Amino acid sequence: IYIYIYIRKVSDKMGLCFVCNEELDGQYVRLATARTSYGKELLLEKMAGVLGEEFVVIVNNDDLACNNCASQLDQIDKLEVDLKLVKNAMLSCIRKKYGLV
């Protein structure tokens, strides 16, 4: 059973973070266009991945995220990229050991 929650911005103010609803202090990123530093994935795609299939997130081009929320999404991206590298290294060792290269 999936619970669909439609998240949308209730305020027309550009001064609130879409994620945490805190006031923006002048430093923010646009969710629809900003990318993560490591995997180069759109922040809104990363956020959708974190929320999973239980949520449907509706983001428009004007939605912004504060630096803290953007940084957390970027950290998730870094950890996922690092995990993929470690898994690939482990798989490479197994392939080498059993002559599957």
PDB file of N, CA and C in Angstrom:
ATOM      1  N   ILE A   1       0.854  -1.177   0.000  1.00  0.00           N
ATOM      2  CA  ILE A   1       0.000   0.000   0.000  1.00  0.00           C
ATOM      3  C   ILE A   1       0.893   1.231   0.000  1.00  0.00           C
ATOM      4  N   TYR A   2       0.674   2.086  -0.967  1.00  0.00           N
ATOM      5  CA  TYR A   2       1.438   3.323  -1.042  1.00  0.00           C
ATOM      6  C   TYR A   2       0.563   4.491  -0.616  1.00  0.00           C
ATOM      7  N   ILE A   3       1.132   5.368   0.147  1.00  0.00           N
ATOM      8  CA  ILE A   3       0.443   6.590   0.536  1.00  0.00           C
ATOM      9  C   ILE A   3       1.029   7.701  -0.318  1.00  0.00           C
ATOM     10  N   TYR A   4       0.197   8.299  -1.119  1.00  0.00           N
ATOM     11  CA  TYR A   4       0.667   9.373  -1.982  1.00  0.00           C
ATOM     12  C   TYR A   4       0.445  10.705  -1.296  1.00  0.00           C
ATOM     13  N   ILE A   5       1.492  11.449  -1.148  1.00  0.00           N
ATOM     14  CA  ILE A   5       1.411  12.769  -0.553  1.00  0.00           C
ATOM     15  C   ILE A   5       1.895  13.761  -1.593  1.00  0.00           C
ATOM     16  N   TYR A   6       1.061  14.679  -1.927  1.00  0.00           N
ATOM     17  CA  TYR A   6       1.442  15.711  -2.880  1.00  0.00           C
ATOM     18  C   TYR A   6       1.980  16.894  -2.097  1.00  0.00           C
ATOM     19  N   ILE A   7       3.228  17.194  -2.310  1.00  0.00           N
ATOM     20  CA  ILE A   7       3.871  18.298  -1.623  1.00  0.00           C
ATOM     21  C   ILE A   7       3.922  19.462  -2.594  1.00  0.00           C
ATOM     22  N   ARG A   8       3.406  20.573  -2.193  1.00  0.00           N
ATOM     23  CA  ARG A   8       3.535  21.739  -3.051  1.00  0.00           C
ATOM     24  C   ARG A   8       3.737  22.952  -2.171  1.00  0.00           C
ATOM     25  N   LYS A   9       4.288  23.938  -2.757  1.00  0.00           N
ATOM     26  CA  LYS A   9       4.592  25.159  -2.042  1.00  0.00           C
ATOM     27  C   LYS A   9       3.295  25.917  -1.774  1.00  0.00           C
ATOM     28  N   VAL A  10       3.034  26.231  -0.517  1.00  0.00           N
ATOM     29  CA  VAL A  10       1.811  26.936  -0.191  1.00  0.00           C
ATOM     30  C   VAL A  10       1.992  28.442  -0.292  1.00  0.00           C
ATOM     31  N   SER A  11       3.176  28.892  -0.135  1.00  0.00           N
ATOM     32  CA  SER A  11       3.442  30.325  -0.144  1.00  0.00           C
ATOM     33  C   SER A  11       4.063  30.747  -1.464  1.00  0.00           C
ATOM     34  N   ASP A  12       3.697  31.919  -1.912  1.00  0.00           N
ATOM     35  CA  ASP A  12       4.302  32.456  -3.128  1.00  0.00           C
ATOM     36  C   ASP A  12       5.627  33.136  -2.818  1.00  0.00           C
ATOM     37  N   LYS A  13       5.963  33.236  -1.549  1.00  0.00           N
ATOM     38  CA  LYS A  13       7.224  33.867  -1.160  1.00  0.00           C
ATOM     39  C   LYS A  13       8.385  33.030  -1.657  1.00  0.00           C
ATOM     40  N   MET A  14       9.427  33.698  -2.113  1.00  0.00           N
ATOM     41  CA  MET A  14      10.620  32.979  -2.537  1.00  0.00           C
ATOM     42  C   MET A  14      11.584  32.875  -1.366  1.00  0.00           C
ATOM     43  N   GLY A  15      11.116  33.206  -0.161  1.00  0.00           N
ATOM     44  CA  GLY A  15      12.001  33.253   0.973  1.00  0.00           C
ATOM     45  C   GLY A  15      12.010  32.021   1.848  1.00  0.00           C
ATOM     46  N   LEU A  16      11.341  30.925   1.432  1.00  0.00           N
ATOM     47  CA  LEU A  16      11.292  29.724   2.258  1.00  0.00           C
ATOM     48  C   LEU A  16      11.895  28.531   1.532  1.00  0.00           C
ATOM     49  N   CYS A  17      12.602  27.708   2.287  1.00  0.00           N
ATOM     50  CA  CYS A  17      13.177  26.482   1.732  1.00  0.00           C
ATOM     51  C   CYS A  17      12.048  25.492   1.454  1.00  0.00           C
ATOM     52  N   PHE A  18      12.064  24.893   0.282  1.00  0.00           N
ATOM     53  CA  PHE A  18      11.042  23.920  -0.109  1.00  0.00           C
ATOM     54  C   PHE A  18      11.084  22.683   0.784  1.00  0.00           C
ATOM     55  N   VAL A  19      12.270  22.326   1.267  1.00  0.00           N
ATOM     56  CA  VAL A  19      12.444  21.101   2.047  1.00  0.00           C
ATOM     57  C   VAL A  19      12.103  21.309   3.522  1.00  0.00           C
ATOM     58  N   CYS A  20      12.757  22.267   4.170  1.00  0.00           N
ATOM     59  CA  CYS A  20      12.605  22.433   5.621  1.00  0.00           C
ATOM     60  C   CYS A  20      11.706  23.601   6.018  1.00  0.00           C
ATOM     61  N   ASN A  21      11.309  24.407   5.044  1.00  0.00           N
ATOM     62  CA  ASN A  21      10.419  25.550   5.250  1.00  0.00           C
ATOM     63  C   ASN A  21      11.048  26.676   6.073  1.00  0.00           C
ATOM     64  N   GLU A  22      12.362  26.640   6.242  1.00  0.00           N
ATOM     65  CA  GLU A  22      13.059  27.723   6.939  1.00  0.00           C
ATOM     66  C   GLU A  22      13.246  28.897   5.984  1.00  0.00           C
ATOM     67  N   GLU A  23      13.356  30.079   6.555  1.00  0.00           N
ATOM     68  CA  GLU A  23      13.588  31.260   5.724  1.00  0.00           C
ATOM     69  C   GLU A  23      14.968  31.182   5.093  1.00  0.00           C
ATOM     70  N   LEU A  24      15.032  31.590   3.840  1.00  0.00           N
ATOM     71  CA  LEU A  24      16.315  31.597   3.130  1.00  0.00           C
ATOM     72  C   LEU A  24      17.069  32.860   3.521  1.00  0.00           C
ATOM     73  N   ASP A  25      18.361  32.717   3.742  1.00  0.00           N
ATOM     74  CA  ASP A  25      19.167  33.857   4.171  1.00  0.00           C
ATOM     75  C   ASP A  25      19.913  34.499   3.003  1.00  0.00           C
ATOM     76  N   GLY A  26      19.419  34.317   1.816  1.00  0.00           N
ATOM     77  CA  GLY A  26      20.087  34.890   0.646  1.00  0.00           C
ATOM     78  C   GLY A  26      20.950  33.882  -0.084  1.00  0.00           C
ATOM     79  N   GLN A  27      21.260  32.760   0.559  1.00  0.00           N
ATOM     80  CA  GLN A  27      22.046  31.717  -0.095  1.00  0.00           C
ATOM     81  C   GLN A  27      21.160  30.488  -0.239  1.00  0.00           C
ATOM     82  N   TYR A  28      20.899  30.135  -1.474  1.00  0.00           N
ATOM     83  CA  TYR A  28      19.994  29.036  -1.757  1.00  0.00           C
ATOM     84  C   TYR A  28      20.309  28.474  -3.133  1.00  0.00           C
ATOM     85  N   VAL A  29      19.689  27.348  -3.456  1.00  0.00           N
ATOM     86  CA  VAL A  29      19.824  26.753  -4.789  1.00  0.00           C
ATOM     87  C   VAL A  29      18.427  26.481  -5.337  1.00  0.00           C
ATOM     88  N   ARG A  30      18.331  26.454  -6.641  1.00  0.00           N
ATOM     89  CA  ARG A  30      17.064  26.161  -7.316  1.00  0.00           C
ATOM     90  C   ARG A  30      16.989  24.645  -7.514  1.00  0.00           C
ATOM     91  N   LEU A  31      15.981  24.017  -6.924  1.00  0.00           N
ATOM     92  CA  LEU A  31      15.862  22.555  -6.948  1.00  0.00           C
ATOM     93  C   LEU A  31      15.770  21.981  -8.356  1.00  0.00           C
ATOM     94  N   ALA A  32      15.115  22.689  -9.255  1.00  0.00           N
ATOM     95  CA  ALA A  32      14.883  22.159 -10.601  1.00  0.00           C
ATOM     96  C   ALA A  32      16.134  22.151 -11.469  1.00  0.00           C
ATOM     97  N   THR A  33      17.154  22.944 -11.106  1.00  0.00           N
ATOM     98  CA  THR A  33      18.333  23.044 -11.973  1.00  0.00           C
ATOM     99  C   THR A  33      19.651  22.698 -11.296  1.00  0.00           C
ATOM    100  N   ALA A  34      19.707  22.751  -9.963  1.00  0.00           N
ATOM    101  CA  ALA A  34      20.967  22.485  -9.257  1.00  0.00           C
ATOM    102  C   ALA A  34      21.285  20.993  -9.282  1.00  0.00           C
ATOM    103  N   ARG A  35      22.567  20.684  -9.396  1.00  0.00           N
ATOM    104  CA  ARG A  35      23.019  19.285  -9.446  1.00  0.00           C
ATOM    105  C   ARG A  35      23.940  18.990  -8.270  1.00  0.00           C
ATOM    106  N   THR A  36      24.015  17.718  -7.921  1.00  0.00           N
ATOM    107  CA  THR A  36      24.917  17.299  -6.853  1.00  0.00           C
ATOM    108  C   THR A  36      26.359  17.369  -7.348  1.00  0.00           C
ATOM    109  N   SER A  37      27.281  17.492  -6.427  1.00  0.00           N
ATOM    110  CA  SER A  37      28.701  17.661  -6.773  1.00  0.00           C
ATOM    111  C   SER A  37      29.350  16.391  -7.294  1.00  0.00           C
ATOM    112  N   TYR A  38      28.898  15.248  -6.843  1.00  0.00           N
ATOM    113  CA  TYR A  38      29.593  13.996  -7.144  1.00  0.00           C
ATOM    114  C   TYR A  38      28.951  13.238  -8.300  1.00  0.00           C
ATOM    115  N   GLY A  39      27.686  12.898  -8.171  1.00  0.00           N
ATOM    116  CA  GLY A  39      26.995  12.123  -9.201  1.00  0.00           C
ATOM    117  C   GLY A  39      26.366  12.976 -10.284  1.00  0.00           C
ATOM    118  N   LYS A  40      26.439  14.293 -10.114  1.00  0.00           N
ATOM    119  CA  LYS A  40      25.883  15.251 -11.085  1.00  0.00           C
ATOM    120  C   LYS A  40      24.394  15.014 -11.331  1.00  0.00           C
ATOM    121  N   GLU A  41      23.689  14.587 -10.293  1.00  0.00           N
ATOM    122  CA  GLU A  41      22.258  14.323 -10.381  1.00  0.00           C
ATOM    123  C   GLU A  41      21.496  15.577  -9.942  1.00  0.00           C
ATOM    124  N   LEU A  42      20.351  15.829 -10.555  1.00  0.00           N
ATOM    125  CA  LEU A  42      19.537  16.966 -10.139  1.00  0.00           C
ATOM    126  C   LEU A  42      19.120  16.785  -8.681  1.00  0.00           C
ATOM    127  N   LEU A  43      19.136  17.882  -7.922  1.00  0.00           N
ATOM    128  CA  LEU A  43      18.753  17.799  -6.512  1.00  0.00           C
ATOM    129  C   LEU A  43      17.330  17.278  -6.348  1.00  0.00           C
ATOM    130  N   LEU A  44      16.441  17.666  -7.243  1.00  0.00           N
ATOM    131  CA  LEU A  44      15.065  17.183  -7.106  1.00  0.00           C
ATOM    132  C   LEU A  44      14.980  15.683  -7.346  1.00  0.00           C
ATOM    133  N   GLU A  45      15.840  15.129  -8.217  1.00  0.00           N
ATOM    134  CA  GLU A  45      15.878  13.679  -8.421  1.00  0.00           C
ATOM    135  C   GLU A  45      16.441  12.975  -7.192  1.00  0.00           C
ATOM    136  N   LYS A  46      17.457  13.583  -6.593  1.00  0.00           N
ATOM    137  CA  LYS A  46      18.043  13.009  -5.378  1.00  0.00           C
ATOM    138  C   LYS A  46      17.012  13.007  -4.256  1.00  0.00           C
ATOM    139  N   MET A  47      16.268  14.110  -4.128  1.00  0.00           N
ATOM    140  CA  MET A  47      15.245  14.203  -3.098  1.00  0.00           C
ATOM    141  C   MET A  47      14.145  13.164  -3.341  1.00  0.00           C
ATOM    142  N   ALA A  48      13.752  12.972  -4.579  1.00  0.00           N
ATOM    143  CA  ALA A  48      12.742  11.962  -4.908  1.00  0.00           C
ATOM    144  C   ALA A  48      13.248  10.571  -4.543  1.00  0.00           C
ATOM    145  N   GLY A  49      14.544  10.320  -4.762  1.00  0.00           N
ATOM    146  CA  GLY A  49      15.131   9.037  -4.397  1.00  0.00           C
ATOM    147  C   GLY A  49      15.127   8.808  -2.901  1.00  0.00           C
ATOM    148  N   VAL A  50      15.345   9.859  -2.147  1.00  0.00           N
ATOM    149  CA  VAL A  50      15.330   9.754  -0.687  1.00  0.00           C
ATOM    150  C   VAL A  50      13.910   9.463  -0.197  1.00  0.00           C
ATOM    151  N   LEU A  51      12.938  10.134  -0.773  1.00  0.00           N
ATOM    152  CA  LEU A  51      11.549   9.957  -0.344  1.00  0.00           C
ATOM    153  C   LEU A  51      10.979   8.617  -0.769  1.00  0.00           C
ATOM    154  N   GLY A  52      11.467   8.079  -1.876  1.00  0.00           N
ATOM    155  CA  GLY A  52      10.996   6.787  -2.349  1.00  0.00           C
ATOM    156  C   GLY A  52       9.680   6.890  -3.100  1.00  0.00           C
ATOM    157  N   GLU A  53       9.102   5.738  -3.364  1.00  0.00           N
ATOM    158  CA  GLU A  53       7.883   5.668  -4.169  1.00  0.00           C
ATOM    159  C   GLU A  53       6.625   6.025  -3.381  1.00  0.00           C
ATOM    160  N   GLU A  54       6.757   6.196  -2.084  1.00  0.00           N
ATOM    161  CA  GLU A  54       5.588   6.509  -1.263  1.00  0.00           C
ATOM    162  C   GLU A  54       5.147   7.955  -1.401  1.00  0.00           C
ATOM    163  N   PHE A  55       6.002   8.800  -1.964  1.00  0.00           N
ATOM    164  CA  PHE A  55       5.700  10.219  -2.085  1.00  0.00           C
ATOM    165  C   PHE A  55       5.769  10.655  -3.536  1.00  0.00           C
ATOM    166  N   VAL A  56       4.920  11.560  -3.891  1.00  0.00           N
ATOM    167  CA  VAL A  56       5.002  12.222  -5.184  1.00  0.00           C
ATOM    168  C   VAL A  56       5.306  13.678  -4.874  1.00  0.00           C
ATOM    169  N   VAL A  57       6.423  14.165  -5.346  1.00  0.00           N
ATOM    170  CA  VAL A  57       6.837  15.529  -5.063  1.00  0.00           C
ATOM    171  C   VAL A  57       6.615  16.376  -6.303  1.00  0.00           C
ATOM    172  N   ILE A  58       5.889  17.451  -6.143  1.00  0.00           N
ATOM    173  CA  ILE A  58       5.654  18.368  -7.247  1.00  0.00           C
ATOM    174  C   ILE A  58       6.500  19.601  -6.994  1.00  0.00           C
ATOM    175  N   VAL A  59       7.461  19.817  -7.862  1.00  0.00           N
ATOM    176  CA  VAL A  59       8.379  20.946  -7.727  1.00  0.00           C
ATOM    177  C   VAL A  59       8.251  21.799  -8.970  1.00  0.00           C
ATOM    178  N   ASN A  60       8.170  23.114  -8.781  1.00  0.00           N
ATOM    179  CA  ASN A  60       8.169  23.982  -9.953  1.00  0.00           C
ATOM    180  C   ASN A  60       9.514  24.685 -10.057  1.00  0.00           C
ATOM    181  N   ASN A  61       9.721  25.402 -11.124  1.00  0.00           N
ATOM    182  CA  ASN A  61      11.023  26.032 -11.378  1.00  0.00           C
ATOM    183  C   ASN A  61      11.406  27.086 -10.355  1.00  0.00           C
ATOM    184  N   ASP A  62      10.452  27.578  -9.592  1.00  0.00           N
ATOM    185  CA  ASP A  62      10.738  28.623  -8.609  1.00  0.00           C
ATOM    186  C   ASP A  62      11.070  28.074  -7.225  1.00  0.00           C
ATOM    187  N   ASP A  63      10.949  26.779  -7.009  1.00  0.00           N
ATOM    188  CA  ASP A  63      11.196  26.209  -5.685  1.00  0.00           C
ATOM    189  C   ASP A  63      12.688  26.190  -5.368  1.00  0.00           C
ATOM    190  N   LEU A  64      12.997  26.616  -4.153  1.00  0.00           N
ATOM    191  CA  LEU A  64      14.381  26.775  -3.714  1.00  0.00           C
ATOM    192  C   LEU A  64      14.660  25.915  -2.490  1.00  0.00           C
ATOM    193  N   ALA A  65      15.932  25.586  -2.291  1.00  0.00           N
ATOM    194  CA  ALA A  65      16.364  24.868  -1.087  1.00  0.00           C
ATOM    195  C   ALA A  65      17.467  25.672  -0.417  1.00  0.00           C
ATOM    196  N   CYS A  66      17.457  25.698   0.899  1.00  0.00           N
ATOM    197  CA  CYS A  66      18.518  26.383   1.632  1.00  0.00           C
ATOM    198  C   CYS A  66      19.825  25.604   1.468  1.00  0.00           C
ATOM    199  N   ASN A  67      20.912  26.258   1.787  1.00  0.00           N
ATOM    200  CA  ASN A  67      22.220  25.611   1.645  1.00  0.00           C
ATOM    201  C   ASN A  67      22.341  24.364   2.514  1.00  0.00           C
ATOM    202  N   ASN A  68      21.719  24.369   3.690  1.00  0.00           N
ATOM    203  CA  ASN A  68      21.801  23.212   4.579  1.00  0.00           C
ATOM    204  C   ASN A  68      21.123  21.988   3.953  1.00  0.00           C
ATOM    205  N   CYS A  69      19.919  22.161   3.431  1.00  0.00           N
ATOM    206  CA  CYS A  69      19.204  21.038   2.804  1.00  0.00           C
ATOM    207  C   CYS A  69      19.915  20.585   1.538  1.00  0.00           C
ATOM    208  N   ALA A  70      20.409  21.534   0.749  1.00  0.00           N
ATOM    209  CA  ALA A  70      21.151  21.185  -0.465  1.00  0.00           C
ATOM    210  C   ALA A  70      22.415  20.418  -0.102  1.00  0.00           C
ATOM    211  N   SER A  71      23.069  20.830   0.974  1.00  0.00           N
ATOM    212  CA  SER A  71      24.285  20.162   1.433  1.00  0.00           C
ATOM    213  C   SER A  71      23.985  18.733   1.894  1.00  0.00           C
ATOM    214  N   GLN A  72      22.863  18.541   2.556  1.00  0.00           N
ATOM    215  CA  GLN A  72      22.487  17.194   2.999  1.00  0.00           C
ATOM    216  C   GLN A  72      22.209  16.283   1.808  1.00  0.00           C
ATOM    217  N   LEU A  73      21.530  16.802   0.786  1.00  0.00           N
ATOM    218  CA  LEU A  73      21.283  16.015  -0.421  1.00  0.00           C
ATOM    219  C   LEU A  73      22.597  15.691  -1.125  1.00  0.00           C
ATOM    220  N   ASP A  74      23.527  16.643  -1.111  1.00  0.00           N
ATOM    221  CA  ASP A  74      24.838  16.424  -1.718  1.00  0.00           C
ATOM    222  C   ASP A  74      25.622  15.364  -0.943  1.00  0.00           C
ATOM    223  N   GLN A  75      25.498  15.367   0.380  1.00  0.00           N
ATOM    224  CA  GLN A  75      26.169  14.364   1.213  1.00  0.00           C
ATOM    225  C   GLN A  75      25.612  12.969   0.936  1.00  0.00           C
ATOM    226  N   ILE A  76      24.302  12.871   0.781  1.00  0.00           N
ATOM    227  CA  ILE A  76      23.683  11.586   0.420  1.00  0.00           C
ATOM    228  C   ILE A  76      24.252  11.100  -0.899  1.00  0.00           C
ATOM    229  N   ASP A  77      24.358  12.010  -1.861  1.00  0.00           N
ATOM    230  CA  ASP A  77      24.900  11.671  -3.176  1.00  0.00           C
ATOM    231  C   ASP A  77      26.335  11.164  -3.056  1.00  0.00           C
ATOM    232  N   LYS A  78      27.156  11.845  -2.253  1.00  0.00           N
ATOM    233  CA  LYS A  78      28.555  11.436  -2.073  1.00  0.00           C
ATOM    234  C   LYS A  78      28.629  10.033  -1.472  1.00  0.00           C
ATOM    235  N   LEU A  79      27.825   9.781  -0.459  1.00  0.00           N
ATOM    236  CA  LEU A  79      27.826   8.463   0.178  1.00  0.00           C
ATOM    237  C   LEU A  79      27.389   7.372  -0.793  1.00  0.00           C
ATOM    238  N   GLU A  80      26.388   7.666  -1.626  1.00  0.00           N
ATOM    239  CA  GLU A  80      25.938   6.684  -2.610  1.00  0.00           C
ATOM    240  C   GLU A  80      27.005   6.417  -3.664  1.00  0.00           C
ATOM    241  N   VAL A  81      27.706   7.463  -4.097  1.00  0.00           N
ATOM    242  CA  VAL A  81      28.792   7.294  -5.072  1.00  0.00           C
ATOM    243  C   VAL A  81      29.922   6.479  -4.448  1.00  0.00           C
ATOM    244  N   ASP A  82      30.291   6.806  -3.204  1.00  0.00           N
ATOM    245  CA  ASP A  82      31.350   6.062  -2.510  1.00  0.00           C
ATOM    246  C   ASP A  82      30.968   4.596  -2.324  1.00  0.00           C
ATOM    247  N   LEU A  83      29.716   4.338  -1.960  1.00  0.00           N
ATOM    248  CA  LEU A  83      29.253   2.967  -1.783  1.00  0.00           C
ATOM    249  C   LEU A  83      29.354   2.186  -3.089  1.00  0.00           C
ATOM    250  N   LYS A  84      29.000   2.821  -4.180  1.00  0.00           N
ATOM    251  CA  LYS A  84      29.090   2.167  -5.491  1.00  0.00           C
ATOM    252  C   LYS A  84      30.543   1.817  -5.816  1.00  0.00           C
ATOM    253  N   LEU A  85      31.478   2.713  -5.492  1.00  0.00           N
ATOM    254  CA  LEU A  85      32.902   2.449  -5.731  1.00  0.00           C
ATOM    255  C   LEU A  85      33.392   1.261  -4.901  1.00  0.00           C
ATOM    256  N   VAL A  86      32.986   1.209  -3.641  1.00  0.00           N
ATOM    257  CA  VAL A  86      33.395   0.110  -2.760  1.00  0.00           C
ATOM    258  C   VAL A  86      32.810  -1.212  -3.255  1.00  0.00           C
ATOM    259  N   LYS A  87      31.548  -1.197  -3.655  1.00  0.00           N
ATOM    260  CA  LYS A  87      30.918  -2.418  -4.179  1.00  0.00           C
ATOM    261  C   LYS A  87      31.623  -2.892  -5.445  1.00  0.00           C
ATOM    262  N   ASN A  88      31.962  -1.960  -6.329  1.00  0.00           N
ATOM    263  CA  ASN A  88      32.660  -2.327  -7.566  1.00  0.00           C
ATOM    264  C   ASN A  88      34.043  -2.898  -7.277  1.00  0.00           C
ATOM    265  N   ALA A  89      34.743  -2.342  -6.285  1.00  0.00           N
ATOM    266  CA  ALA A  89      36.062  -2.854  -5.910  1.00  0.00           C
ATOM    267  C   ALA A  89      35.943  -4.279  -5.367  1.00  0.00           C
ATOM    268  N   MET A  90      34.937  -4.513  -4.533  1.00  0.00           N
ATOM    269  CA  MET A  90      34.707  -5.843  -3.969  1.00  0.00           C
ATOM    270  C   MET A  90      34.368  -6.835  -5.077  1.00  0.00           C
ATOM    271  N   LEU A  91      33.507  -6.443  -5.985  1.00  0.00           N
ATOM    272  CA  LEU A  91      33.121  -7.300  -7.099  1.00  0.00           C
ATOM    273  C   LEU A  91      34.317  -7.611  -7.990  1.00  0.00           C
ATOM    274  N   SER A  92      35.174  -6.642  -8.189  1.00  0.00           N
ATOM    275  CA  SER A  92      36.383  -6.836  -8.992  1.00  0.00           C
ATOM    276  C   SER A  92      37.298  -7.880  -8.354  1.00  0.00           C
ATOM    277  N   CYS A  93      37.434  -7.821  -7.036  1.00  0.00           N
ATOM    278  CA  CYS A  93      38.256  -8.813  -6.324  1.00  0.00           C
ATOM    279  C   CYS A  93      37.685 -10.215  -6.478  1.00  0.00           C
ATOM    280  N   ILE A  94      36.383 -10.346  -6.354  1.00  0.00           N
ATOM    281  CA  ILE A  94      35.726 -11.653  -6.497  1.00  0.00           C
ATOM    282  C   ILE A  94      35.912 -12.182  -7.914  1.00  0.00           C
ATOM    283  N   ARG A  95      35.714 -11.319  -8.902  1.00  0.00           N
ATOM    284  CA  ARG A  95      35.887 -11.736 -10.301  1.00  0.00           C
ATOM    285  C   ARG A  95      37.315 -12.193 -10.561  1.00  0.00           C
ATOM    286  N   LYS A  96      38.266 -11.442 -10.010  1.00  0.00           N
ATOM    287  CA  LYS A  96      39.680 -11.775 -10.203  1.00  0.00           C
ATOM    288  C   LYS A  96      40.004 -13.114  -9.543  1.00  0.00           C
ATOM    289  N   LYS A  97      39.524 -13.310  -8.321  1.00  0.00           N
ATOM    290  CA  LYS A  97      39.803 -14.531  -7.574  1.00  0.00           C
ATOM    291  C   LYS A  97      39.284 -15.768  -8.304  1.00  0.00           C
ATOM    292  N   TYR A  98      38.100 -15.660  -8.891  1.00  0.00           N
ATOM    293  CA  TYR A  98      37.481 -16.814  -9.532  1.00  0.00           C
ATOM    294  C   TYR A  98      37.621 -16.811 -11.049  1.00  0.00           C
ATOM    295  N   GLY A  99      38.503 -15.951 -11.562  1.00  0.00           N
ATOM    296  CA  GLY A  99      38.776 -15.920 -12.993  1.00  0.00           C
ATOM    297  C   GLY A  99      37.582 -15.520 -13.843  1.00  0.00           C
ATOM    298  N   LEU A 100      36.792 -14.630 -13.347  1.00  0.00           N
ATOM    299  CA  LEU A 100      35.599 -14.178 -14.067  1.00  0.00           C
ATOM    300  C   LEU A 100      35.831 -12.849 -14.784  1.00  0.00           C
ATOM    301  N   VAL A 101      37.081 -12.459 -14.901  1.00  0.00           N
ATOM    302  CA  VAL A 101      37.409 -11.158 -15.497  1.00  0.00           C
ATOM    303  C   VAL A 101      37.225 -11.182 -16.989  1.00  0.00           C
TER     304      VAL A 101
END
